[in-house]
PDB file of N, CA and C in Angstrom:
ATOM      1  N   UNK A   1      95.388 126.645 113.167  1.00  0.00           N
ATOM      2  CA  UNK A   1      95.536 128.055 113.369  1.00  0.00           C
ATOM      3  C   UNK A   1      94.592 128.499 114.479  1.00  0.00           C
ATOM      4  N   UNK A   2      94.891 129.637 115.070  1.00  0.00           N
ATOM      5  CA  UNK A   2      94.085 130.178 116.158  1.00  0.00           C
ATOM      6  C   UNK A   2      93.281 131.349 115.611  1.00  0.00           C
ATOM      7  N   UNK A   3      91.995 131.399 115.935  1.00  0.00           N
ATOM      8  CA  UNK A   3      91.093 132.396 115.367  1.00  0.00           C
ATOM      9  C   UNK A   3      90.281 133.064 116.468  1.00  0.00           C
ATOM     10  N   UNK A   4      90.067 134.360 116.304  1.00  0.00           N
ATOM     11  CA  UNK A   4      89.146 135.120 117.154  1.00  0.00           C
ATOM     12  C   UNK A   4      88.076 135.695 116.236  1.00  0.00           C
ATOM     13  N   UNK A   5      86.811 135.458 116.578  1.00  0.00           N
ATOM     14  CA  UNK A   5      85.690 135.963 115.784  1.00  0.00           C
ATOM     15  C   UNK A   5      84.878 136.916 116.659  1.00  0.00           C
ATOM     16  N   UNK A   6      84.615 138.098 116.105  1.00  0.00           N
ATOM     17  CA  UNK A   6      83.824 139.125 116.786  1.00  0.00           C
ATOM     18  C   UNK A   6      82.693 139.508 115.849  1.00  0.00           C
ATOM     19  N   UNK A   7      81.461 139.540 116.356  1.00  0.00           N
ATOM     20  CA  UNK A   7      80.345 139.870 115.471  1.00  0.00           C
ATOM     21  C   UNK A   7      79.436 140.925 116.074  1.00  0.00           C
ATOM     22  N   UNK A   8      78.759 141.652 115.173  1.00  0.00           N
ATOM     23  CA  UNK A   8      77.795 142.681 115.545  1.00  0.00           C
ATOM     24  C   UNK A   8      76.585 142.482 114.651  1.00  0.00           C
ATOM     25  N   UNK A   9      75.488 142.035 115.268  1.00  0.00           N
ATOM     26  CA  UNK A   9      74.283 141.724 114.503  1.00  0.00           C
ATOM     27  C   UNK A   9      73.066 142.302 115.196  1.00  0.00           C
ATOM     28  N   UNK A  10      71.953 142.308 114.491  1.00  0.00           N
ATOM     29  CA  UNK A  10      70.690 142.714 115.104  1.00  0.00           C
ATOM     30  C   UNK A  10      70.436 141.818 116.322  1.00  0.00           C
ATOM     31  N   UNK A  11      69.943 142.397 117.392  1.00  0.00           N
ATOM     32  CA  UNK A  11      69.787 141.684 118.667  1.00  0.00           C
ATOM     33  C   UNK A  11      68.991 140.391 118.527  1.00  0.00           C
ATOM     34  N   UNK A  12      67.952 140.399 117.715  1.00  0.00           N
ATOM     35  CA  UNK A  12      67.114 139.203 117.585  1.00  0.00           C
ATOM     36  C   UNK A  12      67.738 138.132 116.693  1.00  0.00           C
ATOM     37  N   UNK A  13      68.929 138.414 116.118  1.00  0.00           N
ATOM     38  CA  UNK A  13      69.604 137.450 115.255  1.00  0.00           C
ATOM     39  C   UNK A  13      70.937 136.960 115.818  1.00  0.00           C
ATOM     40  N   UNK A  14      71.370 137.499 116.938  1.00  0.00           N
ATOM     41  CA  UNK A  14      72.684 137.118 117.470  1.00  0.00           C
ATOM     42  C   UNK A  14      72.773 135.631 117.774  1.00  0.00           C
ATOM     43  N   UNK A  15      71.669 135.034 118.181  1.00  0.00           N
ATOM     44  CA  UNK A  15      71.679 133.604 118.502  1.00  0.00           C
ATOM     45  C   UNK A  15      72.044 132.751 117.282  1.00  0.00           C
ATOM     46  N   UNK A  16      71.728 133.231 116.091  1.00  0.00           N
ATOM     47  CA  UNK A  16      72.059 132.482 114.876  1.00  0.00           C
ATOM     48  C   UNK A  16      73.568 132.419 114.654  1.00  0.00           C
ATOM     49  N   UNK A  17      74.242 133.570 114.831  1.00  0.00           N
ATOM     50  CA  UNK A  17      75.690 133.591 114.657  1.00  0.00           C
ATOM     51  C   UNK A  17      76.372 132.817 115.768  1.00  0.00           C
ATOM     52  N   UNK A  18      75.877 132.955 116.979  1.00  0.00           N
ATOM     53  CA  UNK A  18      76.458 132.228 118.107  1.00  0.00           C
ATOM     54  C   UNK A  18      76.366 130.727 117.884  1.00  0.00           C
ATOM     55  N   UNK A  19      75.221 130.253 117.458  1.00  0.00           N
ATOM     56  CA  UNK A  19      75.036 128.821 117.207  1.00  0.00           C
ATOM     57  C   UNK A  19      75.985 128.331 116.115  1.00  0.00           C
ATOM     58  N   UNK A  20      76.130 129.109 115.054  1.00  0.00           N
ATOM     59  CA  UNK A  20      77.027 128.750 113.967  1.00  0.00           C
ATOM     60  C   UNK A  20      78.474 128.669 114.459  1.00  0.00           C
ATOM     61  N   UNK A  21      78.943 129.718 115.103  1.00  0.00           N
ATOM     62  CA  UNK A  21      80.345 129.780 115.506  1.00  0.00           C
ATOM     63  C   UNK A  21      80.693 128.778 116.607  1.00  0.00           C
ATOM     64  N   UNK A  22      79.733 128.445 117.453  1.00  0.00           N
ATOM     65  CA  UNK A  22      79.985 127.462 118.513  1.00  0.00           C
ATOM     66  C   UNK A  22      80.288 126.072 117.959  1.00  0.00           C
ATOM     67  N   UNK A  23      79.925 125.813 116.726  1.00  0.00           N
ATOM     68  CA  UNK A  23      80.262 124.523 116.119  1.00  0.00           C
ATOM     69  C   UNK A  23      81.763 124.390 115.918  1.00  0.00           C
ATOM     70  N   UNK A  24      82.467 125.514 115.893  1.00  0.00           N
ATOM     71  CA  UNK A  24      83.899 125.508 115.591  1.00  0.00           C
ATOM     72  C   UNK A  24      84.772 126.091 116.701  1.00  0.00           C
ATOM     73  N   UNK A  25      84.222 127.019 117.499  1.00  0.00           N
ATOM     74  CA  UNK A  25      85.027 127.798 118.436  1.00  0.00           C
ATOM     75  C   UNK A  25      84.387 127.838 119.815  1.00  0.00           C
ATOM     76  N   UNK A  26      85.103 128.431 120.778  1.00  0.00           N
ATOM     77  CA  UNK A  26      84.632 128.553 122.162  1.00  0.00           C
ATOM     78  C   UNK A  26      84.074 129.954 122.374  1.00  0.00           C
ATOM     79  N   UNK A  27      82.893 130.041 122.944  1.00  0.00           N
ATOM     80  CA  UNK A  27      82.239 131.322 123.243  1.00  0.00           C
ATOM     81  C   UNK A  27      82.880 131.912 124.498  1.00  0.00           C
ATOM     82  N   UNK A  28      83.522 133.082 124.383  1.00  0.00           N
ATOM     83  CA  UNK A  28      84.245 133.654 125.519  1.00  0.00           C
ATOM     84  C   UNK A  28      83.648 134.954 126.046  1.00  0.00           C
ATOM     85  N   UNK A  29      82.931 135.685 125.244  1.00  0.00           N
ATOM     86  CA  UNK A  29      82.252 136.918 125.641  1.00  0.00           C
ATOM     87  C   UNK A  29      80.968 137.024 124.827  1.00  0.00           C
ATOM     88  N   UNK A  30      80.171 138.052 125.090  1.00  0.00           N
ATOM     89  CA  UNK A  30      78.866 138.166 124.422  1.00  0.00           C
ATOM     90  C   UNK A  30      78.917 137.897 122.921  1.00  0.00           C
ATOM     91  N   UNK A  31      79.746 138.585 122.193  1.00  0.00           N
ATOM     92  CA  UNK A  31      79.813 138.405 120.741  1.00  0.00           C
ATOM     93  C   UNK A  31      81.220 138.044 120.296  1.00  0.00           C
ATOM     94  N   UNK A  32      81.922 137.273 121.118  1.00  0.00           N
ATOM     95  CA  UNK A  32      83.310 136.915 120.840  1.00  0.00           C
ATOM     96  C   UNK A  32      83.499 135.414 121.023  1.00  0.00           C
ATOM     97  N   UNK A  33      84.130 134.781 120.035  1.00  0.00           N
ATOM     98  CA  UNK A  33      84.491 133.374 120.118  1.00  0.00           C
ATOM     99  C   UNK A  33      85.944 133.238 119.700  1.00  0.00           C
ATOM    100  N   UNK A  34      86.600 132.184 120.176  1.00  0.00           N
ATOM    101  CA  UNK A  34      87.998 131.967 119.806  1.00  0.00           C
ATOM    102  C   UNK A  34      88.348 130.503 119.918  1.00  0.00           C
ATOM    103  N   UNK A  35      89.480 130.138 119.314  1.00  0.00           N
ATOM    104  CA  UNK A  35      89.968 128.778 119.455  1.00  0.00           C
ATOM    105  C   UNK A  35      90.742 128.303 118.241  1.00  0.00           C
ATOM    106  N   UNK A  36      91.263 127.079 118.366  1.00  0.00           N
ATOM    107  CA  UNK A  36      91.986 126.415 117.281  1.00  0.00           C
ATOM    108  C   UNK A  36      90.979 125.923 116.249  1.00  0.00           C
ATOM    109  N   UNK A  37      91.355 126.062 114.975  1.00  0.00           N
ATOM    110  CA  UNK A  37      90.484 125.617 113.894  1.00  0.00           C
ATOM    111  C   UNK A  37      91.364 125.250 112.696  1.00  0.00           C
ATOM    112  N   UNK A  38      90.963 124.234 111.964  1.00  0.00           N
ATOM    113  CA  UNK A  38      91.720 123.862 110.768  1.00  0.00           C
ATOM    114  C   UNK A  38      91.422 124.859 109.650  1.00  0.00           C
ATOM    115  N   UNK A  39      92.309 124.909 108.664  1.00  0.00           N
ATOM    116  CA  UNK A  39      92.099 125.825 107.543  1.00  0.00           C
ATOM    117  C   UNK A  39      90.823 125.472 106.783  1.00  0.00           C
ATOM    118  N   UNK A  40      90.543 124.180 106.657  1.00  0.00           N
ATOM    119  CA  UNK A  40      89.328 123.748 105.972  1.00  0.00           C
ATOM    120  C   UNK A  40      88.067 124.169 106.714  1.00  0.00           C
ATOM    121  N   UNK A  41      88.066 123.963 108.029  1.00  0.00           N
ATOM    122  CA  UNK A  41      86.909 124.374 108.826  1.00  0.00           C
ATOM    123  C   UNK A  41      86.753 125.886 108.816  1.00  0.00           C
ATOM    124  N   UNK A  42      87.862 126.616 108.811  1.00  0.00           N
ATOM    125  CA  UNK A  42      87.789 128.078 108.773  1.00  0.00           C
ATOM    126  C   UNK A  42      87.179 128.542 107.453  1.00  0.00           C
ATOM    127  N   UNK A  43      87.559 127.920 106.357  1.00  0.00           N
ATOM    128  CA  UNK A  43      86.982 128.278 105.059  1.00  0.00           C
ATOM    129  C   UNK A  43      85.477 128.013 105.052  1.00  0.00           C
ATOM    130  N   UNK A  44      85.074 126.892 105.629  1.00  0.00           N
ATOM    131  CA  UNK A  44      83.653 126.558 105.725  1.00  0.00           C
ATOM    132  C   UNK A  44      82.928 127.576 106.589  1.00  0.00           C
ATOM    133  N   UNK A  45      83.510 127.896 107.753  1.00  0.00           N
ATOM    134  CA  UNK A  45      82.900 128.868 108.666  1.00  0.00           C
ATOM    135  C   UNK A  45      82.739 130.224 107.989  1.00  0.00           C
ATOM    136  N   UNK A  46      83.769 130.680 107.286  1.00  0.00           N
ATOM    137  CA  UNK A  46      83.683 131.976 106.602  1.00  0.00           C
ATOM    138  C   UNK A  46      82.552 131.995 105.581  1.00  0.00           C
ATOM    139  N   UNK A  47      82.397 130.913 104.840  1.00  0.00           N
ATOM    140  CA  UNK A  47      81.312 130.835 103.869  1.00  0.00           C
ATOM    141  C   UNK A  47      79.947 130.886 104.529  1.00  0.00           C
ATOM    142  N   UNK A  48      79.804 130.178 105.640  1.00  0.00           N
ATOM    143  CA  UNK A  48      78.530 130.174 106.360  1.00  0.00           C
ATOM    144  C   UNK A  48      78.246 131.535 106.982  1.00  0.00           C
ATOM    145  N   UNK A  49      79.290 132.215 107.447  1.00  0.00           N
ATOM    146  CA  UNK A  49      79.118 133.567 107.989  1.00  0.00           C
ATOM    147  C   UNK A  49      78.594 134.500 106.900  1.00  0.00           C
ATOM    148  N   UNK A  50      79.214 134.455 105.733  1.00  0.00           N
ATOM    149  CA  UNK A  50      78.779 135.315 104.627  1.00  0.00           C
ATOM    150  C   UNK A  50      77.327 135.055 104.248  1.00  0.00           C
ATOM    151  N   UNK A  51      76.929 133.794 104.265  1.00  0.00           N
ATOM    152  CA  UNK A  51      75.547 133.439 103.930  1.00  0.00           C
ATOM    153  C   UNK A  51      74.556 133.957 104.963  1.00  0.00           C
ATOM    154  N   UNK A  52      74.972 134.026 106.215  1.00  0.00           N
ATOM    155  CA  UNK A  52      74.075 134.407 107.309  1.00  0.00           C
ATOM    156  C   UNK A  52      73.912 135.916 107.460  1.00  0.00           C
ATOM    157  N   UNK A  53      74.920 136.682 107.107  1.00  0.00           N
ATOM    158  CA  UNK A  53      74.902 138.128 107.339  1.00  0.00           C
ATOM    159  C   UNK A  53      73.843 138.854 106.526  1.00  0.00           C
ATOM    160  N   UNK A  54      73.266 139.864 107.163  1.00  0.00           N
ATOM    161  CA  UNK A  54      72.341 140.756 106.486  1.00  0.00           C
ATOM    162  C   UNK A  54      72.945 142.156 106.468  1.00  0.00           C
ATOM    163  N   UNK A  55      72.286 143.050 105.784  1.00  0.00           N
ATOM    164  CA  UNK A  55      72.758 144.428 105.685  1.00  0.00           C
ATOM    165  C   UNK A  55      72.935 145.048 107.078  1.00  0.00           C
ATOM    166  N   UNK A  56      74.001 145.819 107.257  1.00  0.00           N
ATOM    167  CA  UNK A  56      74.358 146.524 108.498  1.00  0.00           C
ATOM    168  C   UNK A  56      74.825 145.577 109.614  1.00  0.00           C
ATOM    169  N   UNK A  57      75.126 144.331 109.297  1.00  0.00           N
ATOM    170  CA  UNK A  57      75.715 143.399 110.252  1.00  0.00           C
ATOM    171  C   UNK A  57      77.159 143.152 109.845  1.00  0.00           C
ATOM    172  N   UNK A  58      78.003 142.827 110.820  1.00  0.00           N
ATOM    173  CA  UNK A  58      79.414 142.606 110.492  1.00  0.00           C
ATOM    174  C   UNK A  58      80.029 141.529 111.368  1.00  0.00           C
ATOM    175  N   UNK A  59      81.075 140.919 110.828  1.00  0.00           N
ATOM    176  CA  UNK A  59      81.860 139.914 111.543  1.00  0.00           C
ATOM    177  C   UNK A  59      83.326 140.193 111.238  1.00  0.00           C
ATOM    178  N   UNK A  60      84.155 140.152 112.263  1.00  0.00           N
ATOM    179  CA  UNK A  60      85.596 140.283 112.083  1.00  0.00           C
ATOM    180  C   UNK A  60      86.241 138.974 112.496  1.00  0.00           C
ATOM    181  N   UNK A  61      87.128 138.456 111.649  1.00  0.00           N
ATOM    182  CA  UNK A  61      87.841 137.215 111.925  1.00  0.00           C
ATOM    183  C   UNK A  61      89.326 137.544 111.994  1.00  0.00           C
ATOM    184  N   UNK A  62      89.920 137.342 113.158  1.00  0.00           N
ATOM    185  CA  UNK A  62      91.348 137.555 113.358  1.00  0.00           C
ATOM    186  C   UNK A  62      92.027 136.196 113.310  1.00  0.00           C
ATOM    187  N   UNK A  63      92.982 136.026 112.411  1.00  0.00           N
ATOM    188  CA  UNK A  63      93.658 134.746 112.213  1.00  0.00           C
ATOM    189  C   UNK A  63      95.111 134.845 112.663  1.00  0.00           C
ATOM    190  N   UNK A  64      95.514 133.882 113.482  1.00  0.00           N
ATOM    191  CA  UNK A  64      96.907 133.777 113.902  1.00  0.00           C
ATOM    192  C   UNK A  64      97.396 132.388 113.514  1.00  0.00           C
ATOM    193  N   UNK A  65      98.620 132.290 113.071  1.00  0.00           N
ATOM    194  CA  UNK A  65      99.125 130.988 112.649  1.00  0.00           C
ATOM    195  C   UNK A  65      99.284 130.038 113.822  1.00  0.00           C
ATOM    196  N   UNK A  66      99.333 130.568 115.042  1.00  0.00           N
ATOM    197  CA  UNK A  66      99.481 129.733 116.233  1.00  0.00           C
ATOM    198  C   UNK A  66      99.012 130.508 117.453  1.00  0.00           C
ATOM    199  N   UNK A  67      98.477 129.794 118.451  1.00  0.00           N
ATOM    200  CA  UNK A  67      98.091 130.487 119.690  1.00  0.00           C
ATOM    201  C   UNK A  67      99.321 130.958 120.459  1.00  0.00           C
ATOM    202  N   UNK A  68     100.512 130.475 120.085  1.00  0.00           N
ATOM    203  CA  UNK A  68     101.744 130.931 120.727  1.00  0.00           C
ATOM    204  C   UNK A  68     102.097 132.358 120.337  1.00  0.00           C
ATOM    205  N   UNK A  69     101.528 132.844 119.247  1.00  0.00           N
ATOM    206  CA  UNK A  69     101.772 134.218 118.816  1.00  0.00           C
ATOM    207  C   UNK A  69     100.824 135.205 119.481  1.00  0.00           C
ATOM    208  N   UNK A  70      99.930 134.696 120.285  1.00  0.00           N
ATOM    209  CA  UNK A  70      98.911 135.516 120.926  1.00  0.00           C
ATOM    210  C   UNK A  70      99.254 135.717 122.392  1.00  0.00           C
ATOM    211  N   UNK A  71      99.338 136.952 122.822  1.00  0.00           N
ATOM    212  CA  UNK A  71      99.511 137.255 124.237  1.00  0.00           C
ATOM    213  C   UNK A  71      98.123 137.538 124.789  1.00  0.00           C
ATOM    214  N   UNK A  72      97.554 136.574 125.472  1.00  0.00           N
ATOM    215  CA  UNK A  72      96.168 136.653 125.952  1.00  0.00           C
ATOM    216  C   UNK A  72      96.165 136.706 127.468  1.00  0.00           C
ATOM    217  N   UNK A  73      95.615 137.779 128.020  1.00  0.00           N
ATOM    218  CA  UNK A  73      95.512 137.935 129.466  1.00  0.00           C
ATOM    219  C   UNK A  73      94.037 137.979 129.840  1.00  0.00           C
ATOM    220  N   UNK A  74      93.634 137.150 130.783  1.00  0.00           N
ATOM    221  CA  UNK A  74      92.249 137.105 131.229  1.00  0.00           C
ATOM    222  C   UNK A  74      92.207 137.545 132.683  1.00  0.00           C
ATOM    223  N   UNK A  75      91.354 138.492 132.988  1.00  0.00           N
ATOM    224  CA  UNK A  75      91.128 138.929 134.362  1.00  0.00           C
ATOM    225  C   UNK A  75      89.780 138.370 134.790  1.00  0.00           C
ATOM    226  N   UNK A  76      89.753 137.636 135.863  1.00  0.00           N
ATOM    227  CA  UNK A  76      88.529 136.968 136.283  1.00  0.00           C
ATOM    228  C   UNK A  76      88.489 135.556 135.727  1.00  0.00           C
ATOM    229  N   UNK A  77      87.306 134.985 135.655  1.00  0.00           N
ATOM    230  CA  UNK A  77      87.134 133.615 135.182  1.00  0.00           C
ATOM    231  C   UNK A  77      87.393 133.524 133.684  1.00  0.00           C
ATOM    232  N   UNK A  78      88.124 132.506 133.269  1.00  0.00           N
ATOM    233  CA  UNK A  78      88.423 132.282 131.860  1.00  0.00           C
ATOM    234  C   UNK A  78      87.406 131.298 131.291  1.00  0.00           C
ATOM    235  N   UNK A  79      86.514 131.758 130.431  1.00  0.00           N
ATOM    236  CA  UNK A  79      85.488 130.866 129.888  1.00  0.00           C
ATOM    237  C   UNK A  79      86.047 129.726 129.047  1.00  0.00           C
ATOM    238  N   UNK A  80      87.234 129.862 128.505  1.00  0.00           N
ATOM    239  CA  UNK A  80      87.790 128.789 127.692  1.00  0.00           C
ATOM    240  C   UNK A  80      88.202 127.594 128.538  1.00  0.00           C
ATOM    241  N   UNK A  81      88.508 127.801 129.789  1.00  0.00           N
ATOM    242  CA  UNK A  81      88.909 126.698 130.659  1.00  0.00           C
ATOM    243  C   UNK A  81      87.758 125.728 130.893  1.00  0.00           C
ATOM    244  N   UNK A  82      86.561 126.218 131.134  1.00  0.00           N
ATOM    245  CA  UNK A  82      85.414 125.353 131.377  1.00  0.00           C
ATOM    246  C   UNK A  82      84.956 124.645 130.113  1.00  0.00           C
ATOM    247  N   UNK A  83      85.069 125.287 128.971  1.00  0.00           N
ATOM    248  CA  UNK A  83      84.546 124.743 127.720  1.00  0.00           C
ATOM    249  C   UNK A  83      85.403 123.616 127.155  1.00  0.00           C
ATOM    250  N   UNK A  84      86.634 123.511 127.565  1.00  0.00           N
ATOM    251  CA  UNK A  84      87.508 122.479 127.006  1.00  0.00           C
ATOM    252  C   UNK A  84      87.227 121.101 127.582  1.00  0.00           C
ATOM    253  N   UNK A  85      86.550 121.044 128.710  1.00  0.00           N
ATOM    254  CA  UNK A  85      86.281 119.765 129.366  1.00  0.00           C
ATOM    255  C   UNK A  85      84.791 119.575 129.453  1.00  0.00           C
ATOM    256  N   UNK A  86      84.205 118.991 128.435  1.00  0.00           N
ATOM    257  CA  UNK A  86      82.757 118.778 128.424  1.00  0.00           C
ATOM    258  C   UNK A  86      82.408 117.436 128.978  1.00  0.00           C
TER     259      UNK A  86
END
């Protein structure tokens, strides 16, 4: 499945969420990650997100059954292109 994760955290804690989500997804904007993920990995990621969050912090996870259902337009450099070839 294809997932987009958006988070809003205290500035001094954003690196924690970024590090967690980068294990599963591609970092595309300041607080946005996306990519293909298995249902098992998504369940694990959601649990780890819940454990990490503190009061007044939030994470939104958008789930699509396929990236073919997503109309994604990028203006400028596409960060996902560089991240796929490490």
